[in-house]
Amino acid sequence: MPTAQVNDLTINYDLADYTDPWRPSEVFLLYHGYSRNMSFWQNWVALLARDYRVMRFDARGCGETTKPSEGAAFSMEQLAGDAIGLMDQLGIERAHWVGESSGGLVGLQVALTHPERLSSLTLCNTPFQIPGKILSTYSAGEADQATAIEKYGVGGWCRKTLAYRLDLNHATPEIGDWYVNEMDKTPKHVAIALYRLFSGGSYWDQLPEVRVPTLILTGDQSVISQKNEMEQMHAQMPQAKLALLEGYGHGINLLAPERCVAEIRAFLAERR
């Protein structure tokens, strides 16, 4: 995969383009979730790249992108700045942002601080804040999630809590094993720093300020992006549409990519 120098990082990215070269094409930017990497978007590329350029990348500390040193703090402004910097490097003025879980939180940050860079925003499995019940569950019997990750490693912790981030009623054992193995590639100190970042705030008060056309996309059985909270989120956002995938929990980007992309295409078509 190619790399780009952005801020203090060497970012590993992919830009797929199978569009007609004589026609202008818009860009999708796919931002992965907590302690994951761009391979979680693999099955989306074929679904989008005939009609759009599709950019995905490993976020700060994840995948093959530079790993900050232990003790380094992360911020939402920093993660948003990395994405904007990569867009600048690649000459991309605007993009349709699709963020999965915490990747949607980064998308909200961009929508609030750089709205001119987004053509649309899709929040896939994204809560406006991490529910307290989930923070307790993610502690896996330890004092907190950070302690659990230190004890079990990222992969071991992921295995213990997998059912909350991946609907095992729809996932095969092979998907679950792959998921755990991919998350285990993230260093413990990065996972802990990201946990501290994403668990520490809420976008609730800022939701009415989002003016980018937004699709809220989630499974109606998700325990992280819960249906009632997504309905509240929808009511707070003047440019938003809510789409629920019935019978699905968390992880719809992996479990139902065709349905997710169909919802996004329909959402964009309504706004043309």
Protein backbone atom coordinates (compact mmCIF):
# COMPACT_ATOMS: atom_id res chain seq x y z
CA MET A 1 0.00 0.00 0.00
CA PRO A 2 1.17 3.58 -0.59
CA THR A 3 2.06 5.90 2.27
CA ALA A 4 1.87 9.65 2.84
CA GLN A 5 3.68 11.94 5.27
CA VAL A 6 1.04 13.80 7.27
CA ASN A 7 1.77 15.77 10.43
CA ASP A 8 4.08 13.50 12.46
CA LEU A 9 2.91 10.29 10.78
CA THR A 10 3.60 8.00 7.89
CA ILE A 11 0.02 7.07 7.01
CA ASN A 12 -0.73 3.79 5.26
CA TYR A 13 -3.62 4.31 2.85
CA ASP A 14 -5.42 2.98 -0.21
CA LEU A 15 -7.20 4.97 -2.90
CA ALA A 16 -9.24 2.75 -5.21
CA ASP A 17 -10.58 4.20 -8.44
CA TYR A 18 -12.44 2.20 -11.08
CA THR A 19 -14.53 5.10 -12.30
CA ASP A 20 -14.71 6.26 -15.91
CA PRO A 21 -11.62 8.46 -16.34
CA TRP A 22 -13.41 10.97 -18.56
CA ARG A 23 -16.01 11.76 -15.89
CA PRO A 24 -15.51 13.69 -12.65
CA SER A 25 -15.86 11.44 -9.62
CA GLU A 26 -16.61 12.08 -5.98
CA VAL A 27 -14.66 10.54 -3.11
CA PHE A 28 -15.69 8.29 -0.24
CA LEU A 29 -13.48 8.39 2.86
CA LEU A 30 -13.88 5.28 5.02
CA TYR A 31 -12.68 5.68 8.63
CA HIS A 32 -12.39 2.52 10.72
CA GLY A 33 -13.46 2.01 14.33
CA TYR A 34 -11.65 1.67 17.63
CA SER A 35 -8.26 -0.10 17.44
CA ARG A 36 -9.09 -1.54 14.04
CA ASN A 37 -7.55 -0.84 10.62
CA MET A 38 -8.52 -0.17 7.05
CA SER A 39 -8.90 -3.88 6.21
CA PHE A 40 -12.29 -3.69 7.96
CA TRP A 41 -13.50 -1.81 4.86
CA GLN A 42 -12.19 -4.36 2.36
CA ASN A 43 -15.61 -5.55 1.25
CA TRP A 44 -16.88 -1.99 0.72
CA VAL A 45 -14.35 -1.11 -1.95
CA ALA A 46 -15.87 -3.31 -4.65
CA LEU A 47 -19.32 -1.97 -3.79
CA LEU A 48 -18.34 1.68 -4.26
CA ALA A 49 -15.25 2.00 -6.44
CA ARG A 50 -17.00 1.68 -9.80
CA ASP A 51 -18.82 4.96 -9.17
CA TYR A 52 -16.60 6.71 -6.61
CA ARG A 53 -12.98 7.02 -5.67
CA VAL A 54 -12.67 5.19 -2.35
CA MET A 55 -10.07 6.26 0.19
CA ARG A 56 -9.36 4.31 3.38
CA PHE A 57 -6.39 4.43 5.69
CA ASP A 58 -4.95 3.17 8.95
CA ALA A 59 -5.59 5.80 11.61
CA ARG A 60 -2.90 7.07 13.97
CA GLY A 61 -1.36 4.14 15.86
CA CYS A 62 -3.33 1.49 13.96
CA GLY A 63 -2.49 -0.92 11.15
CA GLU A 64 0.70 0.06 9.33
CA THR A 65 0.55 3.76 10.22
CA THR A 66 3.11 5.22 12.63
CA LYS A 67 2.70 4.14 16.26
CA PRO A 68 3.07 7.03 18.73
CA SER A 69 5.33 6.38 21.70
CA GLU A 70 3.95 5.02 24.96
CA GLY A 71 2.39 7.76 27.04
CA ALA A 72 1.44 9.86 24.02
CA ALA A 73 -2.06 11.30 24.31
CA PHE A 74 -4.59 11.33 21.49
CA SER A 75 -7.16 14.04 20.78
CA MET A 76 -10.17 14.33 18.49
CA GLU A 77 -8.64 17.42 16.90
CA GLN A 78 -5.49 15.43 16.17
CA LEU A 79 -7.35 12.51 14.55
CA ALA A 80 -9.49 14.88 12.50
CA GLY A 81 -6.36 16.77 11.47
CA ASP A 82 -4.70 13.57 10.28
CA ALA A 83 -7.64 12.85 7.98
CA ILE A 84 -7.78 16.41 6.64
CA GLY A 85 -4.01 16.37 6.13
CA LEU A 86 -4.23 13.16 4.11
CA MET A 87 -7.01 14.64 2.00
CA ASP A 88 -4.78 17.65 1.35
CA GLN A 89 -1.85 15.43 0.38
CA LEU A 90 -4.02 13.55 -2.12
CA GLY A 91 -5.65 16.67 -3.54
CA ILE A 92 -9.12 15.75 -2.25
CA GLU A 93 -11.20 18.84 -1.53
CA ARG A 94 -14.38 17.13 -0.31
CA ALA A 95 -15.43 13.61 0.59
CA HIS A 96 -18.38 11.53 1.69
CA TRP A 97 -17.22 10.43 5.15
CA VAL A 98 -18.29 7.02 6.41
CA GLY A 99 -17.17 6.41 9.98
CA GLU A 100 -17.69 3.09 11.71
CA SER A 101 -18.31 3.28 15.48
CA SER A 102 -15.63 5.65 16.88
CA GLY A 103 -14.71 6.53 13.29
CA GLY A 104 -18.06 8.28 13.18
CA LEU A 105 -17.09 10.32 16.24
CA VAL A 106 -14.03 11.54 14.34
CA GLY A 107 -16.39 12.33 11.46
CA LEU A 108 -18.53 14.44 13.77
CA GLN A 109 -15.41 16.34 14.80
CA VAL A 110 -14.60 17.05 11.14
CA ALA A 111 -18.21 18.04 10.43
CA LEU A 112 -18.05 20.58 13.25
CA THR A 113 -14.61 22.02 12.50
CA HIS A 114 -14.19 21.51 8.73
CA PRO A 115 -17.73 21.20 7.32
CA GLU A 116 -16.61 22.51 3.94
CA ARG A 117 -14.54 19.33 3.47
CA LEU A 118 -17.50 16.94 3.77
CA SER A 119 -20.14 16.28 1.13
CA SER A 120 -21.99 13.99 3.53
CA LEU A 121 -21.46 12.11 6.78
CA THR A 122 -22.52 8.54 7.52
CA LEU A 123 -22.42 7.46 11.16
CA CYS A 124 -22.33 3.67 11.03
CA ASN A 125 -22.79 2.02 14.45
CA THR A 126 -21.84 5.37 16.03
CA PRO A 127 -23.15 6.55 19.42
CA PHE A 128 -22.87 10.21 20.40
CA GLN A 129 -21.11 8.94 23.51
CA ILE A 130 -20.02 5.52 24.76
CA PRO A 131 -22.81 4.22 27.06
CA GLY A 132 -21.80 3.76 30.71
CA LYS A 133 -23.09 0.18 30.65
CA ILE A 134 -20.71 -0.64 27.81
CA LEU A 135 -17.76 0.94 29.63
CA SER A 136 -18.56 -1.33 32.56
CA THR A 137 -18.90 -4.38 30.31
CA TYR A 138 -15.67 -3.57 28.50
CA SER A 139 -13.85 -3.69 31.82
CA ALA A 140 -14.16 -7.50 31.55
CA GLY A 141 -14.20 -7.90 35.31
CA GLU A 142 -11.22 -5.60 35.89
CA ALA A 143 -11.06 -2.07 37.30
CA ASP A 144 -11.55 -0.56 33.84
CA GLN A 145 -10.95 -1.28 30.17
CA ALA A 146 -7.34 -0.11 30.31
CA THR A 147 -6.59 -2.59 33.08
CA ALA A 148 -8.28 -5.38 31.12
CA ILE A 149 -6.24 -4.60 28.00
CA GLU A 150 -3.01 -4.59 30.01
CA LYS A 151 -3.92 -7.97 31.50
CA TYR A 152 -5.25 -9.81 28.45
CA GLY A 153 -3.73 -7.93 25.51
CA VAL A 154 -5.86 -6.29 22.83
CA GLY A 155 -6.79 -9.58 21.16
CA GLY A 156 -7.61 -11.35 24.41
CA TRP A 157 -9.70 -8.42 25.60
CA CYS A 158 -11.45 -8.27 22.22
CA ARG A 159 -12.31 -11.97 22.44
CA LYS A 160 -13.86 -11.51 25.88
CA THR A 161 -16.06 -8.62 24.72
CA LEU A 162 -16.60 -9.58 21.08
CA ALA A 163 -20.36 -10.12 21.31
CA TYR A 164 -20.89 -6.43 22.08
CA ARG A 165 -19.12 -5.09 19.00
CA LEU A 166 -20.02 -7.89 16.56
CA ASP A 167 -23.47 -9.48 16.34
CA LEU A 168 -22.61 -13.16 16.77
CA ASN A 169 -26.08 -14.18 15.61
CA HIS A 170 -25.03 -13.07 12.13
CA ALA A 171 -21.25 -13.51 12.26
CA THR A 172 -19.56 -16.79 11.39
CA PRO A 173 -16.80 -18.09 13.68
CA GLU A 174 -14.32 -17.24 10.92
CA ILE A 175 -15.37 -13.58 10.95
CA GLY A 176 -15.01 -13.50 14.73
CA ASP A 177 -11.53 -15.03 14.63
CA TRP A 178 -10.43 -12.63 11.90
CA TYR A 179 -11.82 -9.68 13.85
CA VAL A 180 -9.91 -10.62 17.01
CA ASN A 181 -6.67 -11.24 15.09
CA GLU A 182 -6.87 -7.88 13.33
CA MET A 183 -7.52 -5.95 16.54
CA ASP A 184 -4.65 -7.79 18.19
CA LYS A 185 -2.30 -6.02 15.77
CA THR A 186 -2.95 -2.77 17.64
CA PRO A 187 -0.40 -2.15 20.43
CA LYS A 188 -1.77 -2.13 23.95
CA HIS A 189 -0.64 1.42 24.66
CA VAL A 190 -2.44 2.70 21.55
CA ALA A 191 -5.66 0.87 22.44
CA ILE A 192 -5.52 2.28 25.97
CA ALA A 193 -4.89 5.84 24.76
CA LEU A 194 -7.80 5.57 22.31
CA TYR A 195 -10.05 4.14 25.02
CA ARG A 196 -9.29 7.13 27.23
CA LEU A 197 -10.06 9.49 24.37
CA PHE A 198 -13.30 7.97 23.14
CA SER A 199 -14.74 7.22 26.58
CA GLY A 200 -14.19 10.70 27.91
CA GLY A 201 -16.66 12.93 26.10
CA SER A 202 -19.99 13.43 24.39
CA TYR A 203 -21.11 15.22 21.22
CA TRP A 204 -24.72 15.53 22.42
CA ASP A 205 -24.69 19.32 22.92
CA GLN A 206 -23.01 19.90 19.55
CA LEU A 207 -25.28 17.72 17.43
CA PRO A 208 -27.63 20.60 16.45
CA GLU A 209 -24.61 22.45 15.05
CA VAL A 210 -23.90 19.75 12.45
CA ARG A 211 -25.01 21.09 9.08
CA VAL A 212 -23.50 18.37 6.90
CA PRO A 213 -26.14 15.99 5.47
CA THR A 214 -25.92 13.01 7.81
CA LEU A 215 -27.09 9.40 7.66
CA ILE A 216 -27.34 7.61 11.01
CA LEU A 217 -27.01 3.93 10.16
CA THR A 218 -27.20 1.20 12.77
CA GLY A 219 -28.63 -2.17 13.65
CA ASP A 220 -31.77 -1.90 15.75
CA GLN A 221 -30.41 -4.49 18.21
CA SER A 222 -27.04 -2.82 18.85
CA VAL A 223 -26.12 -2.42 22.51
CA ILE A 224 -23.56 0.29 21.71
CA SER A 225 -25.46 2.48 19.24
CA GLN A 226 -28.82 1.74 20.85
CA LYS A 227 -32.03 2.36 18.92
CA ASN A 228 -33.58 4.80 21.41
CA GLU A 229 -30.38 6.84 21.61
CA MET A 230 -30.08 6.90 17.82
CA GLU A 231 -33.64 8.23 17.62
CA GLN A 232 -32.70 10.96 20.10
CA MET A 233 -29.58 11.70 18.08
CA HIS A 234 -31.67 11.94 14.90
CA ALA A 235 -34.00 14.46 16.54
CA GLN A 236 -31.02 16.63 17.50
CA MET A 237 -29.57 16.82 13.97
CA PRO A 238 -31.43 19.00 11.45
CA GLN A 239 -29.76 17.45 8.39
CA ALA A 240 -29.97 13.82 9.49
CA LYS A 241 -31.80 10.70 8.35
CA LEU A 242 -32.05 7.56 10.48
CA ALA A 243 -31.83 4.10 8.87
CA LEU A 244 -32.18 1.00 11.05
CA LEU A 245 -31.22 -2.48 9.91
CA GLU A 246 -33.78 -4.69 11.58
CA GLY A 247 -32.55 -7.72 13.46
CA TYR A 248 -28.89 -6.65 13.51
CA GLY A 249 -26.71 -5.70 16.44
CA HIS A 250 -23.31 -4.04 16.19
CA GLY A 251 -20.89 -4.57 13.31
CA ILE A 252 -23.22 -4.06 10.35
CA ASN A 253 -20.36 -2.72 8.24
CA LEU A 254 -18.88 -6.24 8.23
CA LEU A 255 -22.07 -8.27 8.44
CA ALA A 256 -24.29 -6.44 5.95
CA PRO A 257 -22.07 -4.30 3.69
CA GLU A 258 -24.40 -4.51 0.69
CA ARG A 259 -27.34 -3.25 2.72
CA CYS A 260 -25.26 -0.48 4.27
CA VAL A 261 -24.03 0.74 0.90
CA ALA A 262 -27.55 0.56 -0.53
CA GLU A 263 -28.80 2.77 2.31
CA ILE A 264 -26.00 5.27 1.67
CA ARG A 265 -26.64 5.35 -2.08
CA ALA A 266 -30.36 5.93 -1.47
CA PHE A 267 -29.58 8.69 1.02
CA LEU A 268 -27.32 10.48 -1.45
CA ALA A 269 -29.81 10.06 -4.30
CA GLU A 270 -32.50 11.78 -2.21
CA ARG A 271 -30.25 14.82 -1.93
CA ARG A 272 -29.21 15.26 -5.52
